Amino acid sequence: MALFSRASSTVGLDIGSGYLKAVVINHDTGHPVLEKVAIAPVADDAIVEGEVMDPQLVSDAVRDLLGRAQIKTKHVVVAVGGRDVIIKKILMDRMKEVDAREVIRWEADQHVPFDPENVELDFQILDPDGDGLQMQVLLVAAKRELVESKLALLSEIGLDAKIIDVEAFALHNAFERNYPEAMRGVVALANIGHETTVVNLLENGVPVLTRDLPVGVRRLREDLQRERGMAAEQADQVVRGVNLDPALAPHVTARGEEMALGIERAAAFLQTSGKPAGQLSRVYLTGGGSRVPGLAEVLADRLKVQVSAAHPIERLDVAPDAFDGLSMDEVAPLLMLPVGLALRAAA
């Protein structure tokens, strides 16, 4: 469902467990321009593994963020993700899309381990022009309570979400815009957040497999606090690369190995599902964790592929005052998800 016409601005709102992020993208000319960025930290444990533990605290924080940024619209684009969302490439008998909608719930019963009565479903035919007896379909399922809780939180703030996206697709939307050359072969986009790393595997530009890894910036920061006796603020600056400290290296190696193993397993699973895929050719890192010193090198050494940072404004026009006092280099890596959401009006 379309929320905005092309001659309008779109607000992408990312309510993360580490930071709240909002971006405004203007589509007046048909060529998206990043007009405004707003970001604020979230109180510890207010959001845990994507679940809002203190709705009032989070509501007040979002309201304050939008107010300070003078973002006045009540319409936003948001996303759901985590373990209550499943994205899976399946095979179905070839049929028209209208006919597929009639049988997709039955197909989902074979692939989705959720109560079928409490699931929101969507799908996309990946090879609509194919001539085989079967077709490849990207199936998306989200627990209804996850969607309803997101809507309830927004309602408390006084906001209206006319588009609720899936995190992996929003990440892909921004990634595709900025890195069209990565839409060939098999590549991985790893969004390293506060608590979770979302690994999105793309095959010829199509997001075909998503994995949530329980490792992020928070684990690294807690490693330094627990084992090195650092204060929270000091550990945070080390993890963000603001202050260099050799004590970080062994922890980056350990957590990087965890991430690499998760990416390896996802790529191996892709090889065994549906049409044979090619080998993983490259990994792109985004999110706050992409700033961790030495992490890209650890992953490249383990995975034996090129690993590089991906920035959501690499090929996006940016208004002169969009960051308004914020450090673009510091903040931009955190914006892949909200940029992907705000780009939806250009789709």
C-alpha atoms as a PDB file:
ATOM      1  CA  MET A   1       0.000   0.000   0.000  1.00  0.00           C
ATOM      2  CA  ALA A   2       1.414   3.395  -0.925  1.00  0.00           C
ATOM      3  CA  LEU A   3       1.494   6.054   1.747  1.00  0.00           C
ATOM      4  CA  PHE A   4       3.103   9.013   0.014  1.00  0.00           C
ATOM      5  CA  SER A   5       3.040  10.334  -3.511  1.00  0.00           C
ATOM      6  CA  ARG A   6       6.348  10.984  -5.183  1.00  0.00           C
ATOM      7  CA  ALA A   7       5.943  14.725  -4.527  1.00  0.00           C
ATOM      8  CA  SER A   8       6.354  14.390  -0.787  1.00  0.00           C
ATOM      9  CA  SER A   9       8.713  13.483   2.002  1.00  0.00           C
ATOM     10  CA  THR A  10       8.865  10.146   3.775  1.00  0.00           C
ATOM     11  CA  VAL A  11       9.900   9.566   7.382  1.00  0.00           C
ATOM     12  CA  GLY A  12      11.671   6.287   8.116  1.00  0.00           C
ATOM     13  CA  LEU A  13      11.602   5.484  11.842  1.00  0.00           C
ATOM     14  CA  ASP A  14      13.846   2.790  13.321  1.00  0.00           C
ATOM     15  CA  ILE A  15      13.120   1.973  16.981  1.00  0.00           C
ATOM     16  CA  GLY A  16      16.223  -0.018  17.850  1.00  0.00           C
ATOM     17  CA  SER A  17      17.476  -1.403  21.142  1.00  0.00           C
ATOM     18  CA  GLY A  18      20.536   0.858  21.090  1.00  0.00           C
ATOM     19  CA  TYR A  19      19.365   3.965  19.266  1.00  0.00           C
ATOM     20  CA  LEU A  20      16.232   5.608  17.950  1.00  0.00           C
ATOM     21  CA  LYS A  21      16.778   6.817  14.396  1.00  0.00           C
ATOM     22  CA  ALA A  22      14.598   8.888  12.100  1.00  0.00           C
ATOM     23  CA  VAL A  23      15.397  10.119   8.609  1.00  0.00           C
ATOM     24  CA  VAL A  24      13.418  12.281   6.208  1.00  0.00           C
ATOM     25  CA  ILE A  25      13.817  11.735   2.477  1.00  0.00           C
ATOM     26  CA  ASN A  26      12.265  14.122  -0.024  1.00  0.00           C
ATOM     27  CA  HIS A  27      10.945  12.763  -3.338  1.00  0.00           C
ATOM     28  CA  ASP A  28       9.813  16.027  -4.942  1.00  0.00           C
ATOM     29  CA  THR A  29      12.035  15.666  -7.986  1.00  0.00           C
ATOM     30  CA  GLY A  30      11.723  11.906  -8.309  1.00  0.00           C
ATOM     31  CA  HIS A  31      15.332  11.661  -7.142  1.00  0.00           C
ATOM     32  CA  PRO A  32      15.524  11.046  -3.365  1.00  0.00           C
ATOM     33  CA  VAL A  33      17.301  13.608  -1.217  1.00  0.00           C
ATOM     34  CA  LEU A  34      18.150  12.978   2.439  1.00  0.00           C
ATOM     35  CA  GLU A  35      16.793  16.065   4.176  1.00  0.00           C
ATOM     36  CA  LYS A  36      17.064  15.323   7.882  1.00  0.00           C
ATOM     37  CA  VAL A  37      18.646  12.878  10.310  1.00  0.00           C
ATOM     38  CA  ALA A  38      17.738  12.500  13.977  1.00  0.00           C
ATOM     39  CA  ILE A  39      19.245  10.032  16.411  1.00  0.00           C
ATOM     40  CA  ALA A  40      19.123   9.446  20.163  1.00  0.00           C
ATOM     41  CA  PRO A  41      20.280   6.628  22.466  1.00  0.00           C
ATOM     42  CA  VAL A  42      17.751   4.320  24.102  1.00  0.00           C
ATOM     43  CA  ALA A  43      17.897   3.701  27.845  1.00  0.00           C
ATOM     44  CA  ASP A  44      19.530   0.372  28.707  1.00  0.00           C
ATOM     45  CA  ASP A  45      17.069  -2.522  28.689  1.00  0.00           C
ATOM     46  CA  ALA A  46      14.137  -0.365  27.535  1.00  0.00           C
ATOM     47  CA  ILE A  47      14.120  -2.583  24.426  1.00  0.00           C
ATOM     48  CA  VAL A  48      15.491  -6.124  24.680  1.00  0.00           C
ATOM     49  CA  GLU A  49      15.801  -8.380  21.618  1.00  0.00           C
ATOM     50  CA  GLY A  50      13.347  -6.166  19.778  1.00  0.00           C
ATOM     51  CA  GLU A  51      10.703  -6.327  22.512  1.00  0.00           C
ATOM     52  CA  VAL A  52       9.720  -3.052  24.145  1.00  0.00           C
ATOM     53  CA  MET A  53      10.048  -3.593  27.894  1.00  0.00           C
ATOM     54  CA  ASP A  54       9.067  -0.049  28.921  1.00  0.00           C
ATOM     55  CA  PRO A  55       6.519   1.321  26.410  1.00  0.00           C
ATOM     56  CA  GLN A  56       6.077   4.644  28.195  1.00  0.00           C
ATOM     57  CA  LEU A  57       9.817   5.325  28.298  1.00  0.00           C
ATOM     58  CA  VAL A  58      10.231   4.441  24.623  1.00  0.00           C
ATOM     59  CA  SER A  59       7.151   6.438  23.598  1.00  0.00           C
ATOM     60  CA  ASP A  60       8.428   9.516  25.384  1.00  0.00           C
ATOM     61  CA  ALA A  61      11.886   9.094  23.819  1.00  0.00           C
ATOM     62  CA  VAL A  62      10.490   8.815  20.263  1.00  0.00           C
ATOM     63  CA  ARG A  63       8.203  11.794  20.811  1.00  0.00           C
ATOM     64  CA  ASP A  64      11.155  13.828  22.093  1.00  0.00           C
ATOM     65  CA  LEU A  65      13.364  12.766  19.170  1.00  0.00           C
ATOM     66  CA  LEU A  66      10.813  13.821  16.553  1.00  0.00           C
ATOM     67  CA  GLY A  67      10.032  17.033  18.422  1.00  0.00           C
ATOM     68  CA  ARG A  68      13.662  18.127  18.658  1.00  0.00           C
ATOM     69  CA  ALA A  69      14.155  17.346  14.965  1.00  0.00           C
ATOM     70  CA  GLN A  70      10.961  19.258  14.117  1.00  0.00           C
ATOM     71  CA  ILE A  71       9.561  16.253  12.265  1.00  0.00           C
ATOM     72  CA  LYS A  72       5.874  17.092  12.378  1.00  0.00           C
ATOM     73  CA  THR A  73       4.230  14.459  10.181  1.00  0.00           C
ATOM     74  CA  LYS A  74       2.190  11.765  11.898  1.00  0.00           C
ATOM     75  CA  HIS A  75       2.813   9.264   9.093  1.00  0.00           C
ATOM     76  CA  VAL A  76       5.931   7.098   9.337  1.00  0.00           C
ATOM     77  CA  VAL A  77       7.344   3.969   7.748  1.00  0.00           C
ATOM     78  CA  VAL A  78       8.540   1.333  10.215  1.00  0.00           C
ATOM     79  CA  ALA A  79       9.746  -2.270  10.145  1.00  0.00           C
ATOM     80  CA  VAL A  80       9.438  -5.504  12.081  1.00  0.00           C
ATOM     81  CA  GLY A  81      12.098  -8.159  12.409  1.00  0.00           C
ATOM     82  CA  GLY A  82      13.698 -10.709  14.688  1.00  0.00           C
ATOM     83  CA  ARG A  83      12.820 -14.297  15.471  1.00  0.00           C
ATOM     84  CA  ASP A  84       9.085 -13.679  14.961  1.00  0.00           C
ATOM     85  CA  VAL A  85       9.625 -12.959  11.258  1.00  0.00           C
ATOM     86  CA  ILE A  86      10.498 -15.667   8.754  1.00  0.00           C
ATOM     87  CA  ILE A  87      11.732 -15.096   5.201  1.00  0.00           C
ATOM     88  CA  LYS A  88      12.092 -18.217   3.116  1.00  0.00           C
ATOM     89  CA  LYS A  89      12.521 -19.089  -0.543  1.00  0.00           C
ATOM     90  CA  ILE A  90      10.174 -21.935  -1.467  1.00  0.00           C
ATOM     91  CA  LEU A  91       9.082 -23.791  -4.590  1.00  0.00           C
ATOM     92  CA  MET A  92       5.434 -23.841  -5.685  1.00  0.00           C
ATOM     93  CA  ASP A  93       3.571 -25.168  -8.686  1.00  0.00           C
ATOM     94  CA  ARG A  94       3.652 -22.452 -11.329  1.00  0.00           C
ATOM     95  CA  MET A  95       0.515 -20.321 -11.371  1.00  0.00           C
ATOM     96  CA  LYS A  96      -0.611 -16.744 -11.691  1.00  0.00           C
ATOM     97  CA  GLU A  97      -0.125 -14.425  -8.726  1.00  0.00           C
ATOM     98  CA  VAL A  98      -3.850 -14.112  -8.143  1.00  0.00           C
ATOM     99  CA  ASP A  99      -4.123 -17.894  -7.882  1.00  0.00           C
ATOM    100  CA  ALA A 100      -1.045 -18.086  -5.647  1.00  0.00           C
ATOM    101  CA  ARG A 101      -2.757 -15.765  -3.163  1.00  0.00           C
ATOM    102  CA  GLU A 102      -5.504 -18.335  -2.799  1.00  0.00           C
ATOM    103  CA  VAL A 103      -3.132 -21.142  -1.810  1.00  0.00           C
ATOM    104  CA  ILE A 104      -0.253 -19.301  -0.116  1.00  0.00           C
ATOM    105  CA  ARG A 105      -1.614 -19.917   3.393  1.00  0.00           C
ATOM    106  CA  TRP A 106      -1.671 -23.643   2.749  1.00  0.00           C
ATOM    107  CA  GLU A 107       1.898 -23.462   1.421  1.00  0.00           C
ATOM    108  CA  ALA A 108       2.939 -21.452   4.476  1.00  0.00           C
ATOM    109  CA  ASP A 109       1.600 -24.178   6.750  1.00  0.00           C
ATOM    110  CA  GLN A 110       4.295 -26.440   5.324  1.00  0.00           C
ATOM    111  CA  HIS A 111       7.146 -23.991   5.945  1.00  0.00           C
ATOM    112  CA  VAL A 112       6.282 -21.649   8.830  1.00  0.00           C
ATOM    113  CA  PRO A 113       6.506 -22.946  12.428  1.00  0.00           C
ATOM    114  CA  PHE A 114       3.964 -20.419  13.750  1.00  0.00           C
ATOM    115  CA  ASP A 115       0.286 -20.768  14.590  1.00  0.00           C
ATOM    116  CA  PRO A 116      -1.318 -20.263  11.157  1.00  0.00           C
ATOM    117  CA  GLU A 117      -4.230 -18.399  12.722  1.00  0.00           C
ATOM    118  CA  ASN A 118      -1.925 -15.706  14.113  1.00  0.00           C
ATOM    119  CA  VAL A 119       0.357 -14.945  11.180  1.00  0.00           C
ATOM    120  CA  GLU A 120       0.520 -12.143   8.637  1.00  0.00           C
ATOM    121  CA  LEU A 121       1.696 -13.460   5.260  1.00  0.00           C
ATOM    122  CA  ASP A 122       3.046 -11.985   2.055  1.00  0.00           C
ATOM    123  CA  PHE A 123       5.001 -13.352  -0.890  1.00  0.00           C
ATOM    124  CA  GLN A 124       6.738 -12.458  -4.128  1.00  0.00           C
ATOM    125  CA  ILE A 125       7.213 -14.639  -7.201  1.00  0.00           C
ATOM    126  CA  LEU A 126      10.918 -14.457  -8.019  1.00  0.00           C
ATOM    127  CA  ASP A 127      10.744 -15.867 -11.562  1.00  0.00           C
ATOM    128  CA  PRO A 128       7.356 -14.710 -12.931  1.00  0.00           C
ATOM    129  CA  ASP A 129       8.483 -15.153 -16.519  1.00  0.00           C
ATOM    130  CA  GLY A 130       9.832 -18.672 -16.036  1.00  0.00           C
ATOM    131  CA  ASP A 131       8.483 -21.598 -18.035  1.00  0.00           C
ATOM    132  CA  GLY A 132       9.168 -24.501 -15.676  1.00  0.00           C
ATOM    133  CA  LEU A 133       6.505 -26.491 -13.857  1.00  0.00           C
ATOM    134  CA  GLN A 134       7.533 -24.876 -10.576  1.00  0.00           C
ATOM    135  CA  MET A 135       8.285 -21.306  -9.586  1.00  0.00           C
ATOM    136  CA  GLN A 136      10.492 -19.767  -6.906  1.00  0.00           C
ATOM    137  CA  VAL A 137       8.597 -17.782  -4.307  1.00  0.00           C
ATOM    138  CA  LEU A 138       9.900 -15.586  -1.494  1.00  0.00           C
ATOM    139  CA  LEU A 139       7.592 -16.204   1.464  1.00  0.00           C
ATOM    140  CA  VAL A 140       7.379 -13.753   4.372  1.00  0.00           C
ATOM    141  CA  ALA A 141       5.570 -14.516   7.620  1.00  0.00           C
ATOM    142  CA  ALA A 142       5.308 -12.367  10.736  1.00  0.00           C
ATOM    143  CA  LYS A 143       3.490 -13.112  13.969  1.00  0.00           C
ATOM    144  CA  ARG A 144       0.416 -10.909  14.146  1.00  0.00           C
ATOM    145  CA  GLU A 145       1.164  -9.894  17.730  1.00  0.00           C
ATOM    146  CA  LEU A 146       4.500  -8.442  16.585  1.00  0.00           C
ATOM    147  CA  VAL A 147       2.755  -6.195  14.082  1.00  0.00           C
ATOM    148  CA  GLU A 148       0.016  -5.259  16.536  1.00  0.00           C
ATOM    149  CA  SER A 149       2.497  -4.340  19.275  1.00  0.00           C
ATOM    150  CA  LYS A 150       4.359  -2.054  16.850  1.00  0.00           C
ATOM    151  CA  LEU A 151       1.111  -0.372  15.872  1.00  0.00           C
ATOM    152  CA  ALA A 152       0.092   0.026  19.519  1.00  0.00           C
ATOM    153  CA  LEU A 153       3.396   1.722  20.364  1.00  0.00           C
ATOM    154  CA  LEU A 154       3.057   4.133  17.450  1.00  0.00           C
ATOM    155  CA  SER A 155      -0.532   4.891  18.397  1.00  0.00           C
ATOM    156  CA  GLU A 156       0.611   5.802  21.909  1.00  0.00           C
ATOM    157  CA  ILE A 157       3.040   8.302  20.366  1.00  0.00           C
ATOM    158  CA  GLY A 158       0.346   9.662  18.066  1.00  0.00           C
ATOM    159  CA  LEU A 159       1.865   8.230  14.900  1.00  0.00           C
ATOM    160  CA  ASP A 160       0.319   6.284  12.049  1.00  0.00           C
ATOM    161  CA  ALA A 161       2.196   3.592  10.133  1.00  0.00           C
ATOM    162  CA  LYS A 162       0.705   3.136   6.702  1.00  0.00           C
ATOM    163  CA  ILE A 163       3.652   0.962   5.685  1.00  0.00           C
ATOM    164  CA  ILE A 164       5.104  -1.763   7.906  1.00  0.00           C
ATOM    165  CA  ASP A 165       8.122  -3.281   6.211  1.00  0.00           C
ATOM    166  CA  VAL A 166      10.382  -6.181   7.083  1.00  0.00           C
ATOM    167  CA  GLU A 167      13.801  -5.143   8.380  1.00  0.00           C
ATOM    168  CA  ALA A 168      15.705  -7.332   5.924  1.00  0.00           C
ATOM    169  CA  PHE A 169      13.835  -5.836   2.963  1.00  0.00           C
ATOM    170  CA  ALA A 170      14.343  -2.266   4.160  1.00  0.00           C
ATOM    171  CA  LEU A 171      18.062  -2.928   4.551  1.00  0.00           C
ATOM    172  CA  HIS A 172      18.136  -4.383   1.060  1.00  0.00           C
ATOM    173  CA  ASN A 173      16.257  -1.369  -0.320  1.00  0.00           C
ATOM    174  CA  ALA A 174      18.939   1.068   0.854  1.00  0.00           C
ATOM    175  CA  PHE A 175      21.764  -1.306  -0.040  1.00  0.00           C
ATOM    176  CA  GLU A 176      20.523  -1.791  -3.603  1.00  0.00           C
ATOM    177  CA  ARG A 177      20.220   1.963  -4.075  1.00  0.00           C
ATOM    178  CA  ASN A 178      23.797   2.577  -2.993  1.00  0.00           C
ATOM    179  CA  TYR A 179      25.555  -0.552  -4.282  1.00  0.00           C
ATOM    180  CA  PRO A 180      23.949  -1.656  -7.570  1.00  0.00           C
ATOM    181  CA  GLU A 181      27.161  -3.481  -8.452  1.00  0.00           C
ATOM    182  CA  ALA A 182      26.505  -5.863  -5.520  1.00  0.00           C
ATOM    183  CA  MET A 183      23.295  -7.125  -7.147  1.00  0.00           C
ATOM    184  CA  ARG A 184      25.162  -9.921  -8.944  1.00  0.00           C
ATOM    185  CA  GLY A 185      26.074 -13.310  -7.535  1.00  0.00           C
ATOM    186  CA  VAL A 186      25.802 -14.190  -3.841  1.00  0.00           C
ATOM    187  CA  VAL A 187      26.730 -11.466  -1.353  1.00  0.00           C
ATOM    188  CA  ALA A 188      25.994 -10.923   2.314  1.00  0.00           C
ATOM    189  CA  LEU A 189      24.933  -7.704   3.996  1.00  0.00           C
ATOM    190  CA  ALA A 190      25.550  -7.825   7.753  1.00  0.00           C
ATOM    191  CA  ASN A 191      23.828  -5.103   9.753  1.00  0.00           C
ATOM    192  CA  ILE A 192      25.624  -5.144  13.120  1.00  0.00           C
ATOM    193  CA  GLY A 193      23.338  -3.570  15.678  1.00  0.00           C
ATOM    194  CA  HIS A 194      23.283  -3.098  19.430  1.00  0.00           C
ATOM    195  CA  GLU A 195      22.198  -6.626  20.337  1.00  0.00           C
ATOM    196  CA  THR A 196      21.794  -8.463  17.054  1.00  0.00           C
ATOM    197  CA  THR A 197      23.528  -8.855  13.718  1.00  0.00           C
ATOM    198  CA  VAL A 198      21.082  -9.267  10.845  1.00  0.00           C
ATOM    199  CA  VAL A 199      22.686 -11.239   8.006  1.00  0.00           C
ATOM    200  CA  ASN A 200      20.908 -10.760   4.698  1.00  0.00           C
ATOM    201  CA  LEU A 201      22.040 -13.069   1.878  1.00  0.00           C
ATOM    202  CA  LEU A 202      21.350 -11.787  -1.621  1.00  0.00           C
ATOM    203  CA  GLU A 203      21.368 -13.893  -4.767  1.00  0.00           C
ATOM    204  CA  ASN A 204      21.522 -11.743  -7.903  1.00  0.00           C
ATOM    205  CA  GLY A 205      20.001  -8.872  -5.961  1.00  0.00           C
ATOM    206  CA  VAL A 206      17.173 -10.861  -4.352  1.00  0.00           C
ATOM    207  CA  PRO A 207      17.144 -11.264  -0.541  1.00  0.00           C
ATOM    208  CA  VAL A 208      16.752 -15.029  -0.254  1.00  0.00           C
ATOM    209  CA  LEU A 209      17.876 -15.810   3.291  1.00  0.00           C
ATOM    210  CA  THR A 210      18.005 -13.864   6.542  1.00  0.00           C
ATOM    211  CA  ARG A 211      19.612 -14.865   9.833  1.00  0.00           C
ATOM    212  CA  ASP A 212      19.636 -13.017  13.164  1.00  0.00           C
ATOM    213  CA  LEU A 213      22.853 -13.611  15.111  1.00  0.00           C
ATOM    214  CA  PRO A 214      22.797 -12.883  18.872  1.00  0.00           C
ATOM    215  CA  VAL A 215      25.960 -10.803  18.831  1.00  0.00           C
ATOM    216  CA  GLY A 216      26.356  -7.057  18.487  1.00  0.00           C
ATOM    217  CA  VAL A 217      28.007  -3.949  19.873  1.00  0.00           C
ATOM    218  CA  ARG A 218      26.586  -4.498  23.357  1.00  0.00           C
ATOM    219  CA  ARG A 219      28.372  -7.842  23.747  1.00  0.00           C
ATOM    220  CA  LEU A 220      31.713  -6.265  22.844  1.00  0.00           C
ATOM    221  CA  ARG A 221      31.164  -3.384  25.223  1.00  0.00           C
ATOM    222  CA  GLU A 222      30.226  -5.762  28.043  1.00  0.00           C
ATOM    223  CA  ASP A 223      33.323  -7.876  27.311  1.00  0.00           C
ATOM    224  CA  LEU A 224      35.504  -4.835  27.970  1.00  0.00           C
ATOM    225  CA  GLN A 225      33.588  -3.831  31.082  1.00  0.00           C
ATOM    226  CA  ARG A 226      33.623  -7.303  32.581  1.00  0.00           C
ATOM    227  CA  GLU A 227      37.096  -8.504  31.647  1.00  0.00           C
ATOM    228  CA  ARG A 228      39.021  -5.231  31.415  1.00  0.00           C
ATOM    229  CA  GLY A 229      37.271  -3.225  34.113  1.00  0.00           C
ATOM    230  CA  MET A 230      36.375  -0.382  31.786  1.00  0.00           C
ATOM    231  CA  ALA A 231      33.575   2.035  32.566  1.00  0.00           C
ATOM    232  CA  ALA A 232      30.595   1.859  30.202  1.00  0.00           C
ATOM    233  CA  GLU A 233      31.401   5.150  28.466  1.00  0.00           C
ATOM    234  CA  GLN A 234      35.070   4.243  28.015  1.00  0.00           C
ATOM    235  CA  ALA A 235      34.181   0.813  26.613  1.00  0.00           C
ATOM    236  CA  ASP A 236      31.672   2.390  24.244  1.00  0.00           C
ATOM    237  CA  GLN A 237      34.285   4.784  22.847  1.00  0.00           C
ATOM    238  CA  VAL A 238      36.735   1.920  22.307  1.00  0.00           C
ATOM    239  CA  VAL A 239      34.132  -0.194  20.517  1.00  0.00           C
ATOM    240  CA  ARG A 240      33.137   2.750  18.307  1.00  0.00           C
ATOM    241  CA  GLY A 241      36.771   3.347  17.381  1.00  0.00           C
ATOM    242  CA  VAL A 242      36.847   6.795  19.011  1.00  0.00           C
ATOM    243  CA  ASN A 243      39.671   5.647  21.292  1.00  0.00           C
ATOM    244  CA  LEU A 244      42.030   2.906  20.180  1.00  0.00           C
ATOM    245  CA  ASP A 245      42.904   0.292  22.776  1.00  0.00           C
ATOM    246  CA  PRO A 246      44.782  -2.982  22.138  1.00  0.00           C
ATOM    247  CA  ALA A 247      42.611  -4.638  24.788  1.00  0.00           C
ATOM    248  CA  LEU A 248      39.798  -4.698  22.228  1.00  0.00           C
ATOM    249  CA  ALA A 249      41.549  -6.985  19.730  1.00  0.00           C
ATOM    250  CA  PRO A 250      40.994 -10.410  21.358  1.00  0.00           C
ATOM    251  CA  HIS A 251      37.332  -9.634  21.959  1.00  0.00           C
ATOM    252  CA  VAL A 252      36.854  -8.524  18.356  1.00  0.00           C
ATOM    253  CA  THR A 253      38.458 -11.774  17.236  1.00  0.00           C
ATOM    254  CA  ALA A 254      36.129 -13.849  19.412  1.00  0.00           C
ATOM    255  CA  ARG A 255      32.948 -12.041  18.429  1.00  0.00           C
ATOM    256  CA  GLY A 256      34.062 -11.828  14.803  1.00  0.00           C
ATOM    257  CA  GLU A 257      34.462 -15.609  14.760  1.00  0.00           C
ATOM    258  CA  GLU A 258      30.869 -15.929  15.992  1.00  0.00           C
ATOM    259  CA  MET A 259      29.631 -13.663  13.219  1.00  0.00           C
ATOM    260  CA  ALA A 260      31.697 -15.464  10.600  1.00  0.00           C
ATOM    261  CA  LEU A 261      30.314 -18.830  11.696  1.00  0.00           C
ATOM    262  CA  GLY A 262      26.766 -17.515  11.395  1.00  0.00           C
ATOM    263  CA  ILE A 263      27.439 -16.161   7.910  1.00  0.00           C
ATOM    264  CA  GLU A 264      29.090 -19.448   6.872  1.00  0.00           C
ATOM    265  CA  ARG A 265      26.113 -21.464   8.089  1.00  0.00           C
ATOM    266  CA  ALA A 266      23.656 -19.205   6.291  1.00  0.00           C
ATOM    267  CA  ALA A 267      25.614 -19.497   3.039  1.00  0.00           C
ATOM    268  CA  ALA A 268      25.831 -23.285   3.444  1.00  0.00           C
ATOM    269  CA  PHE A 269      22.077 -23.493   4.029  1.00  0.00           C
ATOM    270  CA  LEU A 270      21.449 -21.469   0.890  1.00  0.00           C
ATOM    271  CA  GLN A 271      23.442 -24.041  -1.060  1.00  0.00           C
ATOM    272  CA  THR A 272      21.048 -26.801   0.047  1.00  0.00           C
ATOM    273  CA  SER A 273      17.742 -24.994  -0.559  1.00  0.00           C
ATOM    274  CA  GLY A 274      16.014 -24.721  -3.920  1.00  0.00           C
ATOM    275  CA  LYS A 275      18.019 -23.861  -7.022  1.00  0.00           C
ATOM    276  CA  PRO A 276      21.766 -24.250  -6.446  1.00  0.00           C
ATOM    277  CA  ALA A 277      23.369 -20.923  -5.601  1.00  0.00           C
ATOM    278  CA  GLY A 278      26.882 -19.714  -6.238  1.00  0.00           C
ATOM    279  CA  GLN A 279      29.588 -19.268  -3.630  1.00  0.00           C
ATOM    280  CA  LEU A 280      29.562 -16.280  -1.314  1.00  0.00           C
ATOM    281  CA  SER A 281      31.670 -13.669  -3.075  1.00  0.00           C
ATOM    282  CA  ARG A 282      31.689 -10.662  -0.747  1.00  0.00           C
ATOM    283  CA  VAL A 283      30.450  -9.375   2.610  1.00  0.00           C
ATOM    284  CA  TYR A 284      29.320  -5.801   3.294  1.00  0.00           C
ATOM    285  CA  LEU A 285      29.113  -4.456   6.835  1.00  0.00           C
ATOM    286  CA  THR A 286      26.781  -1.754   8.065  1.00  0.00           C
ATOM    287  CA  GLY A 287      25.257  -0.689  11.377  1.00  0.00           C
ATOM    288  CA  GLY A 288      27.031   0.646  14.443  1.00  0.00           C
ATOM    289  CA  GLY A 289      29.203  -2.454  14.669  1.00  0.00           C
ATOM    290  CA  SER A 290      30.730  -1.806  11.261  1.00  0.00           C
ATOM    291  CA  ARG A 291      32.825   0.876  13.002  1.00  0.00           C
ATOM    292  CA  VAL A 292      34.493  -1.641  15.354  1.00  0.00           C
ATOM    293  CA  PRO A 293      38.266  -1.532  14.697  1.00  0.00           C
ATOM    294  CA  GLY A 294      39.597  -4.737  13.171  1.00  0.00           C
ATOM    295  CA  LEU A 295      36.256  -6.514  12.735  1.00  0.00           C
ATOM    296  CA  ALA A 296      36.281  -6.438   8.932  1.00  0.00           C
ATOM    297  CA  GLU A 297      39.767  -7.947   8.922  1.00  0.00           C
ATOM    298  CA  VAL A 298      38.720 -10.767  11.271  1.00  0.00           C
ATOM    299  CA  LEU A 299      35.747 -11.639   9.080  1.00  0.00           C
ATOM    300  CA  ALA A 300      37.776 -11.471   5.869  1.00  0.00           C
ATOM    301  CA  ASP A 301      40.422 -13.786   7.320  1.00  0.00           C
ATOM    302  CA  ARG A 302      37.846 -16.363   8.407  1.00  0.00           C
ATOM    303  CA  LEU A 303      35.513 -16.196   5.414  1.00  0.00           C
ATOM    304  CA  LYS A 304      38.237 -15.792   2.758  1.00  0.00           C
ATOM    305  CA  VAL A 305      36.242 -13.143   0.898  1.00  0.00           C
ATOM    306  CA  GLN A 306      36.479  -9.384   0.635  1.00  0.00           C
ATOM    307  CA  VAL A 307      34.752  -7.582   3.514  1.00  0.00           C
ATOM    308  CA  SER A 308      34.025  -3.867   3.299  1.00  0.00           C
ATOM    309  CA  ALA A 309      31.817  -1.198   4.848  1.00  0.00           C
ATOM    310  CA  ALA A 310      28.514  -0.245   3.231  1.00  0.00           C
ATOM    311  CA  HIS A 311      27.169   3.265   3.725  1.00  0.00           C
ATOM    312  CA  PRO A 312      23.484   4.149   3.163  1.00  0.00           C
ATOM    313  CA  ILE A 313      24.319   7.541   1.646  1.00  0.00           C
ATOM    314  CA  GLU A 314      27.054   6.385  -0.736  1.00  0.00           C
ATOM    315  CA  ARG A 315      24.924   7.339  -3.770  1.00  0.00           C
ATOM    316  CA  LEU A 316      22.224   9.383  -2.117  1.00  0.00           C
ATOM    317  CA  ASP A 317      21.964  13.147  -2.397  1.00  0.00           C
ATOM    318  CA  VAL A 318      22.233  14.807   1.015  1.00  0.00           C
ATOM    319  CA  ALA A 319      20.897  18.253   1.875  1.00  0.00           C
ATOM    320  CA  PRO A 320      23.579  20.570   3.347  1.00  0.00           C
ATOM    321  CA  ASP A 321      21.993  20.703   6.796  1.00  0.00           C
ATOM    322  CA  ALA A 322      20.667  17.136   6.922  1.00  0.00           C
ATOM    323  CA  PHE A 323      22.945  16.076   9.781  1.00  0.00           C
ATOM    324  CA  ASP A 324      22.590  19.406  11.600  1.00  0.00           C
ATOM    325  CA  GLY A 325      25.574  19.252  13.935  1.00  0.00           C
ATOM    326  CA  LEU A 326      25.911  15.469  13.914  1.00  0.00           C
ATOM    327  CA  SER A 327      29.083  13.825  12.622  1.00  0.00           C
ATOM    328  CA  MET A 328      28.205  12.294   9.272  1.00  0.00           C
ATOM    329  CA  ASP A 329      31.036   9.748   9.481  1.00  0.00           C
ATOM    330  CA  GLU A 330      29.956   8.713  12.982  1.00  0.00           C
ATOM    331  CA  VAL A 331      26.215   8.521  12.371  1.00  0.00           C
ATOM    332  CA  ALA A 332      25.826   7.391   8.745  1.00  0.00           C
ATOM    333  CA  PRO A 333      26.688   3.698   9.352  1.00  0.00           C
ATOM    334  CA  LEU A 334      23.664   3.442  11.685  1.00  0.00           C
ATOM    335  CA  LEU A 335      21.186   4.606   9.062  1.00  0.00           C
ATOM    336  CA  MET A 336      20.882   1.764   6.533  1.00  0.00           C
ATOM    337  CA  LEU A 337      17.546   0.595   7.963  1.00  0.00           C
ATOM    338  CA  PRO A 338      15.772   3.968   8.361  1.00  0.00           C
ATOM    339  CA  VAL A 339      17.078   5.127   4.961  1.00  0.00           C
ATOM    340  CA  GLY A 340      15.685   1.953   3.409  1.00  0.00           C
ATOM    341  CA  LEU A 341      12.332   2.661   5.026  1.00  0.00           C
ATOM    342  CA  ALA A 342      12.241   6.279   3.888  1.00  0.00           C
ATOM    343  CA  LEU A 343      13.120   5.246   0.320  1.00  0.00           C
ATOM    344  CA  ARG A 344       9.865   3.304   0.039  1.00  0.00           C
ATOM    345  CA  ALA A 345       8.034   6.204  -1.585  1.00  0.00           C
ATOM    346  CA  ALA A 346      10.480   5.954  -4.474  1.00  0.00           C
ATOM    347  CA  ALA A 347       9.623   2.326  -5.103  1.00  0.00           C
END
